[in-house]
N, C-alpha and C. Protein backbone atom coordinates (compact mmCIF):
# COMPACT_ATOMS: atom_id res chain seq x y z
N MET A 1 65.15 -52.12 -54.07
CA MET A 1 66.01 -53.05 -53.38
C MET A 1 66.34 -52.53 -51.84
N HIS A 2 66.28 -53.37 -50.89
CA HIS A 2 66.33 -52.93 -49.36
C HIS A 2 67.72 -52.90 -49.19
N ASN A 3 68.17 -51.75 -48.50
CA ASN A 3 69.47 -51.76 -48.22
C ASN A 3 69.85 -51.80 -46.47
N ASP A 4 70.56 -52.54 -46.19
CA ASP A 4 70.76 -52.68 -44.68
C ASP A 4 71.91 -51.85 -43.99
N TYR A 5 72.42 -50.81 -45.04
CA TYR A 5 73.39 -49.89 -44.56
C TYR A 5 72.51 -48.62 -44.59
N VAL A 6 72.51 -47.78 -43.45
CA VAL A 6 72.08 -46.45 -43.50
C VAL A 6 73.16 -45.56 -42.77
N GLY A 7 73.79 -44.84 -43.60
CA GLY A 7 74.75 -44.11 -43.19
C GLY A 7 76.13 -44.84 -42.84
N LEU A 8 76.60 -44.72 -41.59
CA LEU A 8 77.63 -45.39 -41.20
C LEU A 8 77.22 -46.66 -40.58
N VAL A 9 76.10 -47.05 -40.41
CA VAL A 9 75.93 -48.23 -39.49
C VAL A 9 75.22 -49.27 -40.41
N ASP A 10 75.92 -50.43 -40.05
CA ASP A 10 75.61 -51.84 -40.75
C ASP A 10 74.65 -52.53 -39.79
N TYR A 11 73.37 -52.36 -39.92
CA TYR A 11 72.46 -52.89 -39.03
C TYR A 11 72.43 -54.32 -38.79
N LYS A 12 72.63 -55.29 -40.00
CA LYS A 12 72.58 -56.55 -39.88
C LYS A 12 73.69 -57.05 -39.19
N SER A 13 74.79 -56.47 -39.26
CA SER A 13 75.98 -56.75 -38.29
C SER A 13 75.71 -56.60 -36.82
N LEU A 14 75.27 -55.35 -36.67
CA LEU A 14 74.77 -54.84 -35.13
C LEU A 14 73.74 -55.81 -34.69
N GLU A 15 72.70 -56.21 -35.52
CA GLU A 15 71.73 -57.12 -34.98
C GLU A 15 72.25 -58.80 -34.61
N ALA A 16 73.05 -59.06 -35.30
CA ALA A 16 73.92 -60.35 -34.97
C ALA A 16 74.62 -60.24 -33.66
N ASN A 17 75.47 -58.95 -33.53
CA ASN A 17 76.25 -58.93 -32.37
C ASN A 17 75.45 -58.67 -31.21
N ILE A 18 74.31 -58.17 -31.15
CA ILE A 18 73.40 -57.74 -30.13
C ILE A 18 72.71 -59.17 -29.79
N LEU A 19 72.17 -60.06 -30.83
CA LEU A 19 71.65 -61.34 -30.28
C LEU A 19 72.73 -62.24 -29.72
N SER A 20 73.68 -62.03 -30.26
CA SER A 20 74.90 -62.97 -29.85
C SER A 20 75.36 -62.57 -28.27
N SER A 21 75.26 -61.28 -28.04
CA SER A 21 75.64 -60.76 -26.71
C SER A 21 74.63 -61.15 -25.82
N ILE A 22 73.33 -61.12 -26.27
CA ILE A 22 72.18 -61.49 -25.27
C ILE A 22 72.30 -62.86 -24.86
N ARG A 23 72.66 -63.83 -25.83
CA ARG A 23 72.53 -65.13 -25.81
C ARG A 23 73.84 -65.47 -24.68
N LEU A 24 74.97 -64.74 -24.71
CA LEU A 24 75.95 -64.82 -23.93
C LEU A 24 75.61 -64.30 -22.43
N GLY A 25 74.66 -63.94 -22.26
CA GLY A 25 74.15 -63.42 -20.82
C GLY A 25 74.85 -61.88 -20.61
N LYS A 26 75.31 -61.16 -21.57
CA LYS A 26 75.83 -59.91 -21.39
C LYS A 26 74.60 -58.86 -20.97
N PRO A 27 74.92 -57.99 -20.27
CA PRO A 27 74.02 -56.92 -19.96
C PRO A 27 73.51 -56.06 -21.07
N LEU A 28 72.40 -55.49 -21.08
CA LEU A 28 71.88 -54.56 -22.32
C LEU A 28 72.82 -53.35 -22.49
N THR A 29 73.06 -52.73 -21.39
CA THR A 29 73.66 -51.47 -21.49
C THR A 29 74.96 -51.34 -20.53
N GLY A 30 75.60 -50.36 -20.59
CA GLY A 30 76.98 -50.23 -19.73
C GLY A 30 78.24 -50.76 -20.75
N LYS A 31 79.24 -50.88 -20.15
CA LYS A 31 80.34 -51.22 -20.87
C LYS A 31 80.39 -52.78 -21.10
N GLY A 32 80.54 -53.01 -22.56
CA GLY A 32 80.24 -54.33 -23.01
C GLY A 32 78.86 -54.66 -23.19
N GLY A 33 77.78 -53.83 -22.83
CA GLY A 33 76.61 -54.29 -23.02
C GLY A 33 75.99 -54.57 -24.51
N ALA A 34 75.20 -55.31 -24.55
CA ALA A 34 74.64 -55.69 -25.84
C ALA A 34 74.19 -54.57 -26.80
N LEU A 35 73.43 -53.58 -26.10
CA LEU A 35 72.97 -52.28 -26.77
C LEU A 35 74.12 -51.19 -27.04
N THR A 36 74.88 -51.24 -26.25
CA THR A 36 76.04 -50.32 -26.06
C THR A 36 76.62 -49.90 -27.51
N LEU A 37 76.94 -50.86 -28.42
CA LEU A 37 77.43 -50.59 -29.55
C LEU A 37 76.61 -49.83 -30.55
N LEU A 38 75.17 -50.39 -30.40
CA LEU A 38 74.30 -49.75 -31.23
C LEU A 38 74.05 -48.29 -30.76
N ILE A 39 74.11 -47.88 -29.58
CA ILE A 39 73.82 -46.61 -29.23
C ILE A 39 75.06 -45.70 -29.70
N LYS A 40 76.33 -46.24 -29.48
CA LYS A 40 77.56 -45.66 -29.96
C LYS A 40 77.40 -45.28 -31.38
N LYS A 41 77.10 -46.05 -32.28
CA LYS A 41 77.09 -46.20 -33.76
C LYS A 41 75.75 -45.01 -34.02
N LEU A 42 74.81 -45.19 -33.41
CA LEU A 42 73.65 -44.14 -33.87
C LEU A 42 74.09 -42.79 -33.49
N LEU A 43 74.99 -42.73 -32.20
CA LEU A 43 75.27 -41.43 -31.89
C LEU A 43 76.26 -40.80 -32.91
N GLU A 44 77.17 -41.62 -33.18
CA GLU A 44 78.33 -41.06 -34.05
C GLU A 44 77.86 -40.89 -35.62
N ALA A 45 76.73 -41.69 -36.05
CA ALA A 45 76.24 -41.34 -37.20
C ALA A 45 75.35 -40.12 -37.13
N SER A 46 74.81 -39.78 -36.02
CA SER A 46 74.10 -38.50 -35.96
C SER A 46 74.94 -37.41 -35.86
N LEU A 47 76.20 -37.48 -35.19
CA LEU A 47 77.13 -36.40 -34.98
C LEU A 47 77.72 -36.15 -36.53
N GLU A 48 77.96 -37.10 -37.16
CA GLU A 48 78.47 -36.86 -38.66
C GLU A 48 77.32 -36.09 -39.54
N GLY A 49 76.17 -36.47 -39.28
CA GLY A 49 75.22 -35.60 -39.85
C GLY A 49 75.10 -34.26 -39.54
N GLU A 50 75.20 -34.17 -38.20
CA GLU A 50 75.28 -32.49 -37.76
C GLU A 50 76.41 -31.84 -38.25
N MET A 51 77.53 -32.54 -38.47
CA MET A 51 78.75 -32.00 -38.97
C MET A 51 78.68 -31.48 -40.54
N ALA A 52 78.13 -32.43 -41.11
CA ALA A 52 77.58 -32.24 -42.52
C ALA A 52 76.76 -31.13 -42.68
N TYR A 53 75.84 -31.02 -41.92
CA TYR A 53 74.74 -29.86 -41.85
C TYR A 53 75.49 -28.45 -41.53
N HIS A 54 76.34 -28.74 -40.62
CA HIS A 54 77.09 -27.20 -40.10
C HIS A 54 78.05 -26.87 -41.26
N LEU A 55 78.86 -27.81 -41.85
CA LEU A 55 79.72 -27.30 -43.03
C LEU A 55 78.98 -26.98 -44.34
N SER A 56 77.75 -27.53 -44.34
CA SER A 56 76.93 -26.82 -45.60
C SER A 56 76.50 -25.58 -45.30
N SER A 57 76.30 -25.35 -44.17
CA SER A 57 75.57 -24.02 -43.78
C SER A 57 76.48 -22.93 -43.17
N ASP A 58 77.69 -23.23 -43.21
CA ASP A 58 78.69 -22.25 -42.72
C ASP A 58 79.17 -21.43 -43.87
N SER A 59 79.06 -20.05 -43.69
CA SER A 59 79.57 -19.00 -44.64
C SER A 59 80.92 -19.03 -44.78
N ARG A 60 81.91 -19.47 -43.92
CA ARG A 60 83.22 -19.48 -44.06
C ARG A 60 83.66 -20.42 -45.07
N GLU A 61 84.24 -19.89 -46.20
CA GLU A 61 84.85 -20.86 -47.21
C GLU A 61 86.00 -21.87 -46.87
N ASN A 62 86.67 -21.50 -45.92
CA ASN A 62 87.76 -22.42 -45.64
C ASN A 62 87.53 -23.45 -44.45
N ASN A 63 86.39 -23.44 -44.25
CA ASN A 63 85.94 -24.48 -42.85
C ASN A 63 85.46 -25.82 -43.47
N ARG A 64 86.32 -26.67 -43.05
CA ARG A 64 85.99 -28.19 -43.47
C ARG A 64 86.26 -29.14 -42.20
N ARG A 65 86.18 -30.52 -42.56
CA ARG A 65 86.32 -31.33 -41.43
C ARG A 65 87.87 -31.30 -41.07
N ASN A 66 88.11 -31.63 -39.77
CA ASN A 66 89.50 -31.37 -39.19
C ASN A 66 89.76 -32.57 -38.48
N GLY A 67 89.54 -33.82 -38.79
CA GLY A 67 89.72 -34.98 -37.78
C GLY A 67 88.58 -35.29 -36.88
N LYS A 68 88.84 -36.26 -35.90
CA LYS A 68 88.01 -36.52 -34.78
C LYS A 68 88.51 -36.62 -33.61
N SER A 69 87.83 -36.59 -32.52
CA SER A 69 88.41 -36.79 -31.11
C SER A 69 87.58 -37.85 -30.62
N SER A 70 88.04 -38.45 -29.52
CA SER A 70 87.50 -39.40 -28.80
C SER A 70 87.07 -39.00 -27.38
N LYS A 71 85.93 -39.27 -27.10
CA LYS A 71 85.36 -38.70 -25.82
C LYS A 71 84.84 -39.69 -24.96
N THR A 72 84.84 -39.62 -23.81
CA THR A 72 84.17 -40.70 -22.89
C THR A 72 82.69 -40.27 -22.75
N PHE A 73 81.79 -40.90 -22.98
CA PHE A 73 80.29 -40.65 -22.86
C PHE A 73 79.83 -41.41 -21.81
N ARG A 74 79.27 -40.56 -20.78
CA ARG A 74 79.01 -41.15 -19.54
C ARG A 74 77.32 -41.17 -19.36
N THR A 75 76.68 -42.45 -19.21
CA THR A 75 75.26 -42.43 -19.08
C THR A 75 74.92 -43.18 -17.61
N SER A 76 73.79 -43.16 -17.27
CA SER A 76 73.47 -43.73 -15.96
C SER A 76 73.57 -45.16 -15.81
N SER A 77 73.84 -45.70 -17.17
CA SER A 77 74.10 -47.27 -17.07
C SER A 77 75.34 -47.60 -17.46
N GLY A 78 76.46 -46.71 -17.59
CA GLY A 78 77.68 -47.04 -17.97
C GLY A 78 78.34 -45.85 -18.84
N SER A 79 79.45 -46.17 -19.36
CA SER A 79 80.03 -45.20 -20.23
C SER A 79 80.81 -45.98 -21.31
N PHE A 80 81.11 -45.19 -22.57
CA PHE A 80 81.85 -45.77 -23.76
C PHE A 80 82.39 -44.70 -24.48
N ASP A 81 83.53 -44.98 -25.21
CA ASP A 81 83.97 -43.84 -25.94
C ASP A 81 83.39 -43.60 -27.10
N LEU A 82 83.15 -42.15 -27.55
CA LEU A 82 82.32 -41.80 -28.44
C LEU A 82 83.29 -41.01 -29.59
N VAL A 83 83.33 -41.29 -30.81
CA VAL A 83 84.15 -40.64 -31.60
C VAL A 83 83.43 -39.35 -32.16
N THR A 84 83.95 -38.19 -32.06
CA THR A 84 83.10 -36.81 -32.41
C THR A 84 84.04 -36.30 -33.37
N PRO A 85 83.35 -35.67 -34.50
CA PRO A 85 84.14 -34.97 -35.64
C PRO A 85 84.39 -33.53 -35.30
N ARG A 86 85.50 -33.07 -35.80
CA ARG A 86 85.96 -31.80 -35.65
C ARG A 86 85.66 -30.92 -36.89
N ASP A 87 85.78 -29.59 -36.74
CA ASP A 87 86.02 -28.70 -37.98
C ASP A 87 87.23 -27.89 -37.75
N ARG A 88 87.57 -27.32 -38.91
CA ARG A 88 89.00 -26.53 -38.90
C ARG A 88 88.87 -25.35 -38.16
N THR A 89 87.62 -24.52 -38.10
CA THR A 89 87.59 -23.46 -37.43
C THR A 89 87.12 -23.52 -36.04
N GLY A 90 86.74 -24.78 -35.53
CA GLY A 90 86.37 -24.95 -34.16
C GLY A 90 84.98 -24.44 -33.73
N SER A 91 84.10 -24.11 -34.80
CA SER A 91 82.97 -23.61 -34.54
C SER A 91 81.77 -24.40 -34.53
N PHE A 92 81.94 -25.98 -34.84
CA PHE A 92 80.99 -26.89 -34.57
C PHE A 92 80.75 -26.91 -33.20
N ASP A 93 79.62 -27.03 -32.94
CA ASP A 93 78.83 -27.31 -31.59
C ASP A 93 77.91 -28.33 -31.57
N LEU A 94 78.27 -29.43 -30.73
CA LEU A 94 77.56 -30.65 -30.92
C LEU A 94 75.97 -30.31 -30.28
N GLN A 95 74.99 -30.88 -30.92
CA GLN A 95 73.70 -30.61 -30.64
C GLN A 95 73.20 -31.82 -30.01
N ILE A 96 73.10 -33.01 -30.51
CA ILE A 96 72.68 -34.16 -30.05
C ILE A 96 73.12 -34.64 -28.64
N VAL A 97 74.50 -34.42 -28.61
CA VAL A 97 75.19 -34.65 -27.55
C VAL A 97 76.06 -33.50 -27.11
N LYS A 98 75.47 -32.65 -25.89
CA LYS A 98 76.06 -31.51 -25.73
C LYS A 98 77.46 -31.61 -25.19
N LYS A 99 78.26 -30.73 -25.04
CA LYS A 99 79.65 -30.60 -24.54
C LYS A 99 79.96 -31.77 -23.97
N LEU A 100 80.87 -32.72 -24.18
CA LEU A 100 81.40 -33.70 -23.27
C LEU A 100 82.46 -33.16 -22.53
């Protein structure tokens, strides 16, 4: 059976939102851009994967997830808020998105 959910991303809903935004004449990128939400969701899902890997390979027994932070992610075509995971020991170092 085909699943339209991969990780934290509902691709069917994103596709509908992107097509609707394009029909309304919104730009593709930047604040309110049609693809901005897709980029945001993909980055956040990737960061969650990084955190899961970090915690699975961390030798410290007490390290675990410790909430999330919101950071402004700036690109050449605009900016948006990106939710990034945190760990208890503060040893998680973002890889896909370097220090914000």
